[in-house]
Amino acid sequence: MSLNTSDPRQIDQALAPLDARRSIPPKQLGEPGPDHPTLLRLLESAVRVPDHGKRVPFRFLSFQGQARLAFGERLAVRSRQRDPEASEAVIEKDRARFSHAPLVVAVIGRFGPDEKIPESERFSTASCVCFALLQAAQALGFGAIWLTGWLAYDPEVAHWLGLGEDERVVGFVHIGTPKLDAPERERPDPRELLTEWTPE
């Protein structure tokens, strides 16, 4: 059945899944998380993004179970190395970063030399994957959030993750079952952001 775009109710119904998207803080994400087949299904949807030149400039790393805690311990050590004066609260925050959501997916951008497709466009593709993964997770009833933080840019962390010279973290997507309904926040008004170009 075709959508009647002159009917606001049909439009609102069609766009409701997009309008309902919320970021859920990691501390509010618990078990259960997606199992392996469900994760693969989420990724099948997430990879359906604009990709100029079909370069597929991304790959994934998943963190689950005890691996999340082991990674957190490394982050705590690295955090102390980066700032010997850091408070215990800061160190503990880094130690616990991956301990809340049962699944964390790192989206790794791949940006080797390319004569035709600028790196900025390939980065945009990898960023779209992060957002598409958020939408896919919420569509299946999970909560999720896309984060970076210092660890996304730290060379030692990149070494732990096995990143190549032309790779970098685009985002860490934390996924789990929401412990609460995230409140709506104020959103930009597109009427204030939209202008129409006209020739002079």
Protein backbone atom coordinates (compact mmCIF):
# COMPACT_ATOMS: atom_id res chain seq x y z
CA MET A 1 0.00 0.00 0.00
CA SER A 2 1.38 3.37 -0.99
CA LEU A 3 1.80 6.10 1.58
CA ASN A 4 -0.46 9.11 1.36
CA THR A 5 2.00 11.93 1.98
CA SER A 6 -0.84 14.42 2.33
CA ASP A 7 -2.04 12.57 5.44
CA PRO A 8 -0.02 13.70 8.50
CA ARG A 9 -1.11 10.62 10.44
CA GLN A 10 0.32 8.25 7.86
CA ILE A 11 3.52 10.26 7.72
CA ASP A 12 3.89 10.23 11.50
CA GLN A 13 3.23 6.50 11.61
CA ALA A 14 5.79 5.79 8.90
CA LEU A 15 8.47 7.93 10.54
CA ALA A 16 7.73 6.86 14.13
CA PRO A 17 10.69 4.44 14.38
CA LEU A 18 13.09 7.24 13.39
CA ASP A 19 11.40 9.79 15.64
CA ALA A 20 11.62 7.38 18.59
CA ARG A 21 15.39 6.91 18.43
CA ARG A 22 17.14 7.69 21.71
CA SER A 23 20.67 7.20 22.99
CA ILE A 24 20.72 5.13 26.18
CA PRO A 25 23.67 5.75 28.56
CA PRO A 26 25.86 2.66 29.02
CA LYS A 27 25.01 2.44 32.74
CA GLN A 28 21.38 2.00 31.75
CA LEU A 29 22.08 -0.91 29.39
CA GLY A 30 21.88 -4.40 30.85
CA GLU A 31 21.31 -8.02 29.93
CA PRO A 32 20.26 -9.49 27.69
CA GLY A 33 22.21 -8.25 24.75
CA PRO A 34 22.05 -9.56 21.20
CA ASP A 35 23.26 -13.13 20.76
CA HIS A 36 25.64 -13.88 17.90
CA PRO A 37 23.00 -14.59 15.22
CA THR A 38 21.12 -11.45 16.24
CA LEU A 39 24.31 -9.39 16.13
CA LEU A 40 25.01 -10.62 12.62
CA ARG A 41 21.47 -9.69 11.60
CA LEU A 42 21.92 -6.21 13.07
CA LEU A 43 25.12 -5.79 11.11
CA GLU A 44 23.40 -6.93 7.91
CA SER A 45 21.14 -3.91 8.24
CA ALA A 46 23.90 -1.59 9.45
CA VAL A 47 26.09 -2.13 6.39
CA ARG A 48 23.34 -0.90 4.04
CA VAL A 49 24.76 2.61 3.94
CA PRO A 50 25.81 4.98 1.16
CA ASP A 51 29.26 3.88 0.03
CA HIS A 52 30.78 5.83 -2.86
CA GLY A 53 32.82 3.45 -4.97
CA LYS A 54 31.69 0.41 -2.95
CA ARG A 55 34.89 0.60 -0.91
CA VAL A 56 33.43 -0.90 2.30
CA PRO A 57 35.70 1.35 4.42
CA PHE A 58 34.85 -0.30 7.73
CA ARG A 59 35.02 -3.49 9.75
CA PHE A 60 33.85 -4.56 13.21
CA LEU A 61 35.27 -5.74 16.53
CA SER A 62 32.96 -7.05 19.25
CA PHE A 63 33.51 -7.04 23.00
CA GLN A 64 31.49 -9.44 25.13
CA GLY A 65 31.69 -11.29 28.44
CA GLN A 66 34.98 -11.20 30.30
CA ALA A 67 36.74 -9.56 27.36
CA ARG A 68 34.90 -6.31 28.21
CA LEU A 69 36.31 -6.37 31.74
CA ALA A 70 39.81 -7.26 30.58
CA PHE A 71 39.71 -4.36 28.15
CA GLY A 72 38.58 -2.09 30.98
CA GLU A 73 41.56 -3.11 33.08
CA ARG A 74 43.87 -2.17 30.24
CA LEU A 75 42.08 1.16 29.87
CA ALA A 76 42.60 1.89 33.56
CA VAL A 77 46.33 1.25 33.26
CA ARG A 78 46.58 3.32 30.11
CA SER A 79 44.56 6.12 31.69
CA ARG A 80 47.11 6.31 34.52
CA GLN A 81 49.96 6.33 32.02
CA ARG A 82 48.36 9.20 30.13
CA ASP A 83 47.79 11.23 33.26
CA PRO A 84 49.69 10.17 36.40
CA GLU A 85 47.78 12.85 38.33
CA ALA A 86 44.35 11.49 37.37
CA SER A 87 41.98 10.94 40.28
CA GLU A 88 40.81 7.48 41.29
CA ALA A 89 37.34 8.43 40.07
CA VAL A 90 38.69 9.06 36.58
CA ILE A 91 40.61 5.77 36.58
CA GLU A 92 37.56 3.86 37.76
CA LYS A 93 35.43 5.48 35.08
CA ASP A 94 37.84 4.21 32.44
CA ARG A 95 37.97 0.76 34.04
CA ALA A 96 34.19 0.50 33.91
CA ARG A 97 33.67 1.90 30.40
CA PHE A 98 32.88 -1.49 28.84
CA SER A 99 31.42 -3.19 31.91
CA HIS A 100 27.79 -2.07 31.60
CA ALA A 101 26.33 -2.95 28.20
CA PRO A 102 26.62 -6.68 27.46
CA LEU A 103 27.86 -5.98 23.95
CA VAL A 104 30.13 -3.29 22.54
CA VAL A 105 30.82 -3.12 18.82
CA ALA A 106 33.78 -1.10 17.63
CA VAL A 107 33.30 0.24 14.12
CA ILE A 108 36.76 0.47 12.58
CA GLY A 109 37.27 2.80 9.63
CA ARG A 110 39.64 1.72 6.87
CA PHE A 111 41.21 4.66 5.06
CA GLY A 112 44.08 3.51 2.91
CA PRO A 113 45.23 5.43 -0.18
CA ASP A 114 42.49 5.83 -2.76
CA GLU A 115 42.88 7.83 -5.97
CA LYS A 116 39.14 8.24 -6.53
CA ILE A 117 37.26 8.36 -3.22
CA PRO A 118 38.33 11.02 -0.68
CA GLU A 119 38.96 9.86 2.87
CA SER A 120 36.26 12.23 4.13
CA GLU A 121 33.64 10.36 2.10
CA ARG A 122 34.84 6.99 3.37
CA PHE A 123 34.77 8.31 6.93
CA SER A 124 31.19 9.44 6.34
CA THR A 125 30.30 5.93 5.20
CA ALA A 126 31.79 4.38 8.34
CA SER A 127 29.98 6.96 10.48
CA CYS A 128 26.70 6.06 8.79
CA VAL A 129 27.32 2.45 9.82
CA CYS A 130 27.46 3.53 13.47
CA PHE A 131 24.15 5.33 13.19
CA ALA A 132 22.51 2.53 11.22
CA LEU A 133 23.58 0.08 13.92
CA LEU A 134 21.90 2.27 16.55
CA GLN A 135 18.69 2.24 14.53
CA ALA A 136 18.83 -1.50 13.92
CA ALA A 137 19.38 -2.22 17.61
CA GLN A 138 16.44 -0.08 18.65
CA ALA A 139 14.23 -1.66 15.99
CA LEU A 140 14.74 -5.01 17.76
CA GLY A 141 13.97 -3.58 21.19
CA PHE A 142 17.53 -3.00 22.37
CA GLY A 143 19.02 0.25 23.57
CA ALA A 144 22.28 1.60 22.25
CA ILE A 145 24.66 4.53 22.25
CA TRP A 146 27.54 5.58 19.99
CA LEU A 147 30.61 6.80 21.90
CA THR A 148 34.23 7.64 21.20
CA GLY A 149 36.29 9.26 24.00
CA TRP A 150 40.06 9.40 24.30
CA LEU A 151 40.38 5.67 23.72
CA ALA A 152 39.16 6.06 20.12
CA TYR A 153 42.21 8.18 19.33
CA ASP A 154 44.92 6.65 21.52
CA PRO A 155 47.76 4.88 19.65
CA GLU A 156 48.26 2.28 22.40
CA VAL A 157 44.58 1.34 22.32
CA ALA A 158 44.81 1.13 18.53
CA HIS A 159 47.67 -1.34 18.98
CA TRP A 160 45.61 -3.50 21.36
CA LEU A 161 42.79 -3.56 18.84
CA GLY A 162 45.09 -4.64 16.04
CA LEU A 163 44.42 -1.58 13.92
CA GLY A 164 46.45 -1.14 10.77
CA GLU A 165 48.26 2.07 9.91
CA ASP A 166 45.34 3.24 7.80
CA GLU A 167 42.63 2.27 10.31
CA ARG A 168 41.04 4.11 13.21
CA VAL A 169 38.08 3.77 15.52
CA VAL A 170 35.01 5.59 14.26
CA GLY A 171 32.87 4.65 17.23
CA PHE A 172 32.13 2.22 20.03
CA VAL A 173 28.47 1.20 19.89
CA HIS A 174 27.22 -0.09 23.25
CA ILE A 175 24.15 -2.34 22.97
CA GLY A 176 21.92 -3.93 25.61
CA THR A 177 18.46 -3.98 27.09
CA PRO A 178 17.37 -0.56 28.40
CA LYS A 179 16.78 -0.35 32.14
CA LEU A 180 14.65 2.76 31.65
CA ASP A 181 12.86 4.75 28.98
CA ALA A 182 15.21 7.49 27.87
CA PRO A 183 13.53 10.89 28.14
CA GLU A 184 13.15 12.99 25.06
CA ARG A 185 15.45 15.97 24.80
CA GLU A 186 15.09 19.19 22.89
CA ARG A 187 15.77 18.70 19.20
CA PRO A 188 16.76 21.28 16.59
CA ASP A 189 13.95 22.87 14.65
CA PRO A 190 14.60 22.15 10.96
CA ARG A 191 12.65 25.26 10.00
CA GLU A 192 15.45 27.29 11.59
CA LEU A 193 18.12 25.29 9.78
CA LEU A 194 16.70 25.12 6.28
CA THR A 195 17.32 27.72 3.59
CA GLU A 196 16.59 27.44 -0.09
CA TRP A 197 19.31 28.26 -2.55
CA THR A 198 18.28 30.56 -5.34
CA PRO A 199 20.41 31.87 -8.19
CA GLU A 200 21.42 35.49 -7.91
